[in-house]
Amino acid sequence: MKKYIFTILLMAIAFSSCMQEEATPIAEEPKQESITVPTFKLYPTSNRWNFLKLNTATGVITIVQYSIEEEDKTFEYSLNDESLIPIGDYPSSGRFELTPTQNMWNFILLDQVSGATYQVQWSFEEKNRFIIPIK
């Protein structure tokens, strides 16, 4: 009798283990690499010592000058201090982009969201620096 009970118990255990579904591994979703859009970009000018630094979220531009010989010749000054995004719009990196023209002092600034374009003129003299809308 003990043999029958033991055999039945052994068969029940074996049968129950066969009835359990194997856990199927959950397939991992493919990882998407996040694309980071830079908030700041440097654009070279035709003058090898000067770059334009663009805040791609607001359209604010500064002129960056560097020197390899004299520290006092290295500086950064503002071309425009105020954001160019319309009131109520949320600043987002990558919104603005600069394109050089054939005139070394001028670039075209594009608002890639609204489509607005601006003439950007940089200069060493403050009176000759400006950003104006192209209408």
N, C-alpha and C. Protein backbone atom coordinates (compact mmCIF):
# COMPACT_ATOMS: atom_id res chain seq x y z
N MET A 1 0.82 -1.18 0.00
CA MET A 1 0.00 0.00 0.00
C MET A 1 0.87 1.26 0.00
N LYS A 2 1.93 1.21 0.78
CA LYS A 2 2.83 2.37 0.81
C LYS A 2 3.44 2.60 -0.57
N LYS A 3 3.72 1.48 -1.29
CA LYS A 3 4.29 1.62 -2.62
C LYS A 3 3.33 2.35 -3.55
N TYR A 4 2.03 2.03 -3.46
CA TYR A 4 1.05 2.67 -4.32
C TYR A 4 0.89 4.16 -4.00
N ILE A 5 0.85 4.47 -2.75
CA ILE A 5 0.72 5.88 -2.33
C ILE A 5 1.95 6.67 -2.76
N PHE A 6 3.13 6.05 -2.52
CA PHE A 6 4.36 6.71 -2.92
C PHE A 6 4.41 6.90 -4.44
N THR A 7 4.01 5.89 -5.21
CA THR A 7 4.02 5.96 -6.66
C THR A 7 3.02 7.01 -7.15
N ILE A 8 1.81 7.02 -6.55
CA ILE A 8 0.80 8.00 -6.94
C ILE A 8 1.29 9.41 -6.60
N LEU A 9 1.89 9.59 -5.44
CA LEU A 9 2.42 10.89 -5.03
C LEU A 9 3.54 11.34 -5.98
N LEU A 10 4.41 10.43 -6.34
CA LEU A 10 5.50 10.74 -7.25
C LEU A 10 4.96 11.12 -8.63
N MET A 11 3.95 10.40 -9.09
CA MET A 11 3.34 10.70 -10.39
C MET A 11 2.62 12.05 -10.34
N ALA A 12 1.98 12.36 -9.23
CA ALA A 12 1.28 13.64 -9.09
C ALA A 12 2.26 14.80 -9.14
N ILE A 13 3.40 14.62 -8.48
CA ILE A 13 4.43 15.67 -8.49
C ILE A 13 4.98 15.85 -9.91
N ALA A 14 5.26 14.73 -10.57
CA ALA A 14 5.80 14.80 -11.93
C ALA A 14 4.77 15.41 -12.87
N PHE A 15 3.50 15.01 -12.71
CA PHE A 15 2.44 15.52 -13.57
C PHE A 15 2.23 17.03 -13.34
N SER A 16 2.26 17.47 -12.07
CA SER A 16 2.06 18.89 -11.79
C SER A 16 3.22 19.74 -12.31
N SER A 17 4.42 19.19 -12.27
CA SER A 17 5.56 19.96 -12.79
C SER A 17 5.48 20.07 -14.31
N CYS A 18 4.91 19.07 -14.97
CA CYS A 18 4.75 19.13 -16.42
C CYS A 18 3.64 20.10 -16.80
N MET A 19 2.67 20.29 -15.94
CA MET A 19 1.54 21.15 -16.21
C MET A 19 1.90 22.64 -16.08
N GLN A 20 2.93 22.93 -15.31
CA GLN A 20 3.31 24.32 -15.14
C GLN A 20 3.88 24.86 -16.43
N GLU A 21 3.39 26.01 -16.81
CA GLU A 21 3.90 26.63 -18.03
C GLU A 21 5.27 27.22 -17.75
N GLU A 22 6.09 27.05 -18.72
CA GLU A 22 7.40 27.66 -18.58
C GLU A 22 7.25 29.17 -18.73
N ALA A 23 7.91 29.87 -17.88
CA ALA A 23 7.86 31.33 -17.96
C ALA A 23 8.62 31.75 -19.22
N THR A 24 7.90 32.42 -20.09
CA THR A 24 8.56 32.90 -21.30
C THR A 24 9.23 34.23 -20.96
N PRO A 25 10.47 34.34 -21.32
CA PRO A 25 11.15 35.60 -21.02
C PRO A 25 10.51 36.74 -21.81
N ILE A 26 10.35 37.84 -21.13
CA ILE A 26 9.78 39.02 -21.77
C ILE A 26 10.87 39.65 -22.63
N ALA A 27 10.54 39.80 -23.88
CA ALA A 27 11.52 40.40 -24.78
C ALA A 27 11.70 41.87 -24.42
N GLU A 28 12.95 42.25 -24.31
CA GLU A 28 13.23 43.64 -24.00
C GLU A 28 12.97 44.49 -25.23
N GLU A 29 12.38 45.63 -24.99
CA GLU A 29 12.17 46.55 -26.10
C GLU A 29 13.52 47.08 -26.53
N PRO A 30 13.70 47.22 -27.82
CA PRO A 30 15.00 47.76 -28.26
C PRO A 30 15.22 49.15 -27.69
N LYS A 31 16.41 49.35 -27.21
CA LYS A 31 16.73 50.65 -26.62
C LYS A 31 16.93 51.67 -27.73
N GLN A 32 16.20 52.76 -27.61
CA GLN A 32 16.37 53.83 -28.58
C GLN A 32 17.37 54.81 -28.01
N GLU A 33 18.37 55.08 -28.80
CA GLU A 33 19.36 56.04 -28.34
C GLU A 33 18.75 57.42 -28.39
N SER A 34 18.85 58.11 -27.28
CA SER A 34 18.28 59.45 -27.25
C SER A 34 19.18 60.40 -28.02
N ILE A 35 18.55 61.21 -28.82
CA ILE A 35 19.29 62.19 -29.60
C ILE A 35 19.28 63.48 -28.82
N THR A 36 20.44 63.92 -28.43
CA THR A 36 20.55 65.13 -27.66
C THR A 36 20.83 66.30 -28.60
N VAL A 37 19.96 67.27 -28.54
CA VAL A 37 20.15 68.46 -29.35
C VAL A 37 20.88 69.48 -28.47
N PRO A 38 22.02 69.98 -28.93
CA PRO A 38 22.78 70.90 -28.09
C PRO A 38 22.06 72.24 -27.92
N THR A 39 22.18 72.79 -26.72
CA THR A 39 21.62 74.11 -26.46
C THR A 39 22.51 75.20 -27.03
N PHE A 40 23.80 74.98 -27.04
CA PHE A 40 24.74 75.97 -27.57
C PHE A 40 25.56 75.36 -28.70
N LYS A 41 25.76 76.17 -29.75
CA LYS A 41 26.61 75.76 -30.87
C LYS A 41 27.54 76.91 -31.24
N LEU A 42 28.77 76.55 -31.63
CA LEU A 42 29.73 77.53 -32.10
C LEU A 42 29.79 77.50 -33.62
N TYR A 43 29.74 78.68 -34.22
CA TYR A 43 29.83 78.81 -35.67
C TYR A 43 31.08 79.63 -36.00
N PRO A 44 31.96 79.11 -36.83
CA PRO A 44 33.16 79.87 -37.19
C PRO A 44 32.81 81.04 -38.09
N THR A 45 33.58 82.09 -37.96
CA THR A 45 33.47 83.23 -38.87
C THR A 45 34.69 83.16 -39.80
N SER A 46 34.75 84.05 -40.76
CA SER A 46 35.92 84.07 -41.65
C SER A 46 37.15 84.59 -40.93
N ASN A 47 36.95 85.23 -39.79
CA ASN A 47 38.07 85.69 -38.96
C ASN A 47 38.45 84.52 -38.06
N ARG A 48 39.65 84.01 -38.20
CA ARG A 48 40.02 82.78 -37.49
C ARG A 48 40.01 82.90 -35.97
N TRP A 49 39.99 84.08 -35.43
CA TRP A 49 40.01 84.27 -33.99
C TRP A 49 38.61 84.43 -33.39
N ASN A 50 37.58 84.45 -34.23
CA ASN A 50 36.23 84.75 -33.75
C ASN A 50 35.21 83.69 -34.16
N PHE A 51 34.33 83.40 -33.22
CA PHE A 51 33.22 82.48 -33.44
C PHE A 51 31.94 83.16 -32.98
N LEU A 52 30.82 82.70 -33.49
CA LEU A 52 29.52 83.12 -32.96
C LEU A 52 28.98 81.95 -32.15
N LYS A 53 28.61 82.23 -30.90
CA LYS A 53 28.02 81.21 -30.04
C LYS A 53 26.52 81.44 -29.99
N LEU A 54 25.77 80.45 -30.49
CA LEU A 54 24.32 80.56 -30.58
C LEU A 54 23.65 79.72 -29.51
N ASN A 55 22.72 80.35 -28.78
CA ASN A 55 21.83 79.59 -27.91
C ASN A 55 20.71 79.09 -28.81
N THR A 56 20.71 77.81 -29.14
CA THR A 56 19.78 77.27 -30.13
C THR A 56 18.34 77.24 -29.62
N ALA A 57 18.13 77.50 -28.35
CA ALA A 57 16.77 77.51 -27.79
C ALA A 57 16.15 78.91 -27.82
N THR A 58 16.98 79.96 -27.72
CA THR A 58 16.44 81.32 -27.60
C THR A 58 16.85 82.26 -28.72
N GLY A 59 17.88 81.92 -29.47
CA GLY A 59 18.37 82.79 -30.53
C GLY A 59 19.36 83.84 -30.05
N VAL A 60 19.73 83.80 -28.80
CA VAL A 60 20.71 84.75 -28.26
C VAL A 60 22.10 84.37 -28.79
N ILE A 61 22.83 85.37 -29.26
CA ILE A 61 24.15 85.14 -29.87
C ILE A 61 25.20 85.98 -29.16
N THR A 62 26.35 85.37 -28.89
CA THR A 62 27.51 86.11 -28.39
C THR A 62 28.68 85.89 -29.34
N ILE A 63 29.56 86.86 -29.38
CA ILE A 63 30.76 86.77 -30.20
C ILE A 63 31.89 86.31 -29.27
N VAL A 64 32.55 85.26 -29.66
CA VAL A 64 33.63 84.68 -28.86
C VAL A 64 34.94 84.91 -29.59
N GLN A 65 35.87 85.54 -28.91
CA GLN A 65 37.19 85.77 -29.49
C GLN A 65 38.22 85.09 -28.60
N TYR A 66 39.13 84.39 -29.22
CA TYR A 66 40.20 83.76 -28.45
C TYR A 66 41.55 84.20 -28.98
N SER A 67 42.57 83.97 -28.18
CA SER A 67 43.93 84.33 -28.56
C SER A 67 44.86 83.27 -28.01
N ILE A 68 45.89 82.97 -28.74
CA ILE A 68 46.86 82.00 -28.23
C ILE A 68 48.07 82.67 -27.60
N GLU A 69 48.10 84.00 -27.66
CA GLU A 69 49.25 84.71 -27.14
C GLU A 69 48.93 85.62 -25.96
N GLU A 70 47.82 86.34 -26.05
CA GLU A 70 47.51 87.33 -25.02
C GLU A 70 46.16 87.03 -24.38
N GLU A 71 46.17 86.89 -23.05
CA GLU A 71 44.93 86.60 -22.33
C GLU A 71 43.91 87.71 -22.45
N ASP A 72 44.37 88.96 -22.48
CA ASP A 72 43.43 90.08 -22.53
C ASP A 72 42.75 90.20 -23.91
N LYS A 73 43.18 89.42 -24.88
CA LYS A 73 42.54 89.41 -26.20
C LYS A 73 41.47 88.31 -26.29
N THR A 74 41.26 87.59 -25.20
CA THR A 74 40.25 86.55 -25.15
C THR A 74 39.04 87.08 -24.41
N PHE A 75 37.88 87.08 -25.10
CA PHE A 75 36.67 87.61 -24.46
C PHE A 75 35.44 87.12 -25.20
N GLU A 76 34.30 87.42 -24.60
CA GLU A 76 33.00 87.09 -25.18
C GLU A 76 32.09 88.29 -24.96
N TYR A 77 31.44 88.76 -26.03
CA TYR A 77 30.52 89.88 -25.86
C TYR A 77 29.24 89.60 -26.62
N SER A 78 28.19 90.23 -26.15
CA SER A 78 26.84 89.94 -26.63
C SER A 78 26.54 90.63 -27.95
N LEU A 79 25.89 89.90 -28.83
CA LEU A 79 25.39 90.48 -30.06
C LEU A 79 23.92 90.87 -29.85
N ASN A 80 23.19 90.04 -29.16
CA ASN A 80 21.81 90.37 -28.74
C ASN A 80 21.58 89.75 -27.37
N ASP A 81 20.93 90.49 -26.49
CA ASP A 81 20.71 90.01 -25.12
C ASP A 81 19.35 89.36 -24.92
N GLU A 82 18.41 89.63 -25.81
CA GLU A 82 17.03 89.17 -25.58
C GLU A 82 16.68 87.99 -26.46
N SER A 83 15.87 87.11 -25.89
CA SER A 83 15.39 85.94 -26.60
C SER A 83 14.57 86.36 -27.83
N LEU A 84 14.68 85.60 -28.90
CA LEU A 84 13.93 85.89 -30.12
C LEU A 84 12.66 85.04 -30.25
N ILE A 85 12.39 84.20 -29.26
CA ILE A 85 11.18 83.39 -29.37
C ILE A 85 9.97 84.23 -29.00
N PRO A 86 8.85 84.04 -29.70
CA PRO A 86 7.65 84.81 -29.39
C PRO A 86 7.17 84.56 -27.97
N ILE A 87 6.54 85.56 -27.37
CA ILE A 87 6.01 85.44 -26.02
C ILE A 87 4.99 84.29 -26.00
N GLY A 88 5.10 83.44 -25.02
CA GLY A 88 4.20 82.30 -24.89
C GLY A 88 4.76 81.01 -25.45
N ASP A 89 5.76 81.10 -26.33
CA ASP A 89 6.40 79.89 -26.85
C ASP A 89 7.41 79.38 -25.83
N TYR A 90 7.58 78.08 -25.81
CA TYR A 90 8.52 77.44 -24.89
C TYR A 90 9.86 77.26 -25.61
N PRO A 91 10.97 77.71 -25.00
CA PRO A 91 12.27 77.53 -25.64
C PRO A 91 12.64 76.04 -25.72
N SER A 92 13.10 75.61 -26.88
CA SER A 92 13.54 74.23 -27.03
C SER A 92 14.85 74.21 -27.82
N SER A 93 15.78 73.42 -27.33
CA SER A 93 17.10 73.33 -27.97
C SER A 93 16.94 72.90 -29.42
N GLY A 94 17.73 73.51 -30.28
CA GLY A 94 17.70 73.19 -31.70
C GLY A 94 16.74 74.04 -32.50
N ARG A 95 16.07 74.97 -31.85
CA ARG A 95 15.08 75.80 -32.55
C ARG A 95 15.74 76.74 -33.55
N PHE A 96 16.89 77.32 -33.19
CA PHE A 96 17.55 78.31 -34.05
C PHE A 96 18.81 77.72 -34.67
N GLU A 97 19.10 78.19 -35.89
CA GLU A 97 20.30 77.74 -36.58
C GLU A 97 20.87 78.90 -37.40
N LEU A 98 22.20 78.99 -37.43
CA LEU A 98 22.89 80.04 -38.19
C LEU A 98 23.45 79.47 -39.49
N THR A 99 23.38 80.29 -40.53
CA THR A 99 23.97 79.92 -41.82
C THR A 99 24.83 81.09 -42.28
N PRO A 100 26.09 80.83 -42.62
CA PRO A 100 26.95 81.93 -43.08
C PRO A 100 26.54 82.40 -44.48
N THR A 101 26.86 83.64 -44.77
CA THR A 101 26.66 84.19 -46.12
C THR A 101 28.03 84.40 -46.74
N GLN A 102 28.07 84.92 -47.94
CA GLN A 102 29.36 85.18 -48.57
C GLN A 102 30.01 86.44 -48.01
N ASN A 103 29.25 87.25 -47.30
CA ASN A 103 29.80 88.42 -46.63
C ASN A 103 30.30 87.95 -45.26
N MET A 104 31.55 88.11 -44.96
CA MET A 104 32.13 87.57 -43.72
C MET A 104 31.50 88.11 -42.44
N TRP A 105 30.83 89.24 -42.51
CA TRP A 105 30.26 89.86 -41.33
C TRP A 105 28.79 89.47 -41.11
N ASN A 106 28.19 88.76 -42.06
CA ASN A 106 26.76 88.48 -41.99
C ASN A 106 26.44 86.99 -42.00
N PHE A 107 25.43 86.65 -41.23
CA PHE A 107 24.87 85.30 -41.18
C PHE A 107 23.35 85.44 -41.29
N ILE A 108 22.69 84.35 -41.64
CA ILE A 108 21.24 84.29 -41.61
C ILE A 108 20.86 83.39 -40.44
N LEU A 109 19.99 83.89 -39.58
CA LEU A 109 19.50 83.12 -38.43
C LEU A 109 18.09 82.64 -38.77
N LEU A 110 17.85 81.36 -38.62
CA LEU A 110 16.55 80.76 -38.93
C LEU A 110 15.90 80.22 -37.67
N ASP A 111 14.65 80.63 -37.44
CA ASP A 111 13.83 80.02 -36.39
C ASP A 111 13.14 78.84 -37.06
N GLN A 112 13.59 77.64 -36.76
CA GLN A 112 13.10 76.44 -37.44
C GLN A 112 11.68 76.07 -37.03
N VAL A 113 11.13 76.70 -36.01
CA VAL A 113 9.76 76.43 -35.59
C VAL A 113 8.79 77.37 -36.30
N SER A 114 9.07 78.67 -36.26
CA SER A 114 8.14 79.64 -36.85
C SER A 114 8.48 79.97 -38.30
N GLY A 115 9.72 79.70 -38.71
CA GLY A 115 10.14 80.04 -40.07
C GLY A 115 10.69 81.45 -40.19
N ALA A 116 10.72 82.20 -39.09
CA ALA A 116 11.23 83.57 -39.12
C ALA A 116 12.72 83.55 -39.44
N THR A 117 13.16 84.54 -40.21
CA THR A 117 14.58 84.66 -40.55
C THR A 117 15.08 86.04 -40.13
N TYR A 118 16.36 86.10 -39.79
CA TYR A 118 16.98 87.33 -39.31
C TYR A 118 18.33 87.50 -39.99
N GLN A 119 18.69 88.75 -40.25
CA GLN A 119 20.04 89.06 -40.70
C GLN A 119 20.86 89.33 -39.44
N VAL A 120 21.95 88.64 -39.31
CA VAL A 120 22.84 88.80 -38.17
C VAL A 120 24.14 89.40 -38.67
N GLN A 121 24.48 90.56 -38.15
CA GLN A 121 25.76 91.18 -38.53
C GLN A 121 26.60 91.30 -37.27
N TRP A 122 27.76 90.69 -37.29
CA TRP A 122 28.67 90.81 -36.17
C TRP A 122 29.79 91.78 -36.56
N SER A 123 30.37 92.38 -35.55
CA SER A 123 31.45 93.34 -35.79
C SER A 123 32.22 93.53 -34.49
N PHE A 124 33.42 94.07 -34.62
CA PHE A 124 34.19 94.42 -33.43
C PHE A 124 33.64 95.69 -32.79
N GLU A 125 32.98 96.52 -33.60
CA GLU A 125 32.41 97.76 -33.10
C GLU A 125 30.93 97.56 -32.79
N GLU A 126 30.54 97.95 -31.59
CA GLU A 126 29.17 97.73 -31.13
C GLU A 126 28.13 98.36 -32.06
N LYS A 127 28.42 99.52 -32.59
CA LYS A 127 27.45 100.22 -33.44
C LYS A 127 27.18 99.46 -34.75
N ASN A 128 28.07 98.54 -35.12
CA ASN A 128 27.90 97.78 -36.36
C ASN A 128 27.39 96.34 -36.13
N ARG A 129 27.00 96.03 -34.89
CA ARG A 129 26.45 94.71 -34.59
C ARG A 129 24.95 94.79 -34.49
N PHE A 130 24.25 93.85 -35.13
CA PHE A 130 22.78 93.86 -35.02
C PHE A 130 22.18 92.55 -35.50
N ILE A 131 20.93 92.36 -35.11
CA ILE A 131 20.09 91.27 -35.61
C ILE A 131 18.77 91.92 -35.99
N ILE A 132 18.40 91.82 -37.27
CA ILE A 132 17.14 92.41 -37.73
C ILE A 132 16.32 91.35 -38.46
N PRO A 133 15.00 91.41 -38.28
CA PRO A 133 14.15 90.44 -39.00
C PRO A 133 14.20 90.67 -40.51
N ILE A 134 14.17 89.60 -41.26
CA ILE A 134 14.05 89.68 -42.72
C ILE A 134 12.58 89.46 -43.04
N LYS A 135 11.96 90.46 -43.62
CA LYS A 135 10.52 90.36 -43.89
C LYS A 135 10.26 90.27 -45.36
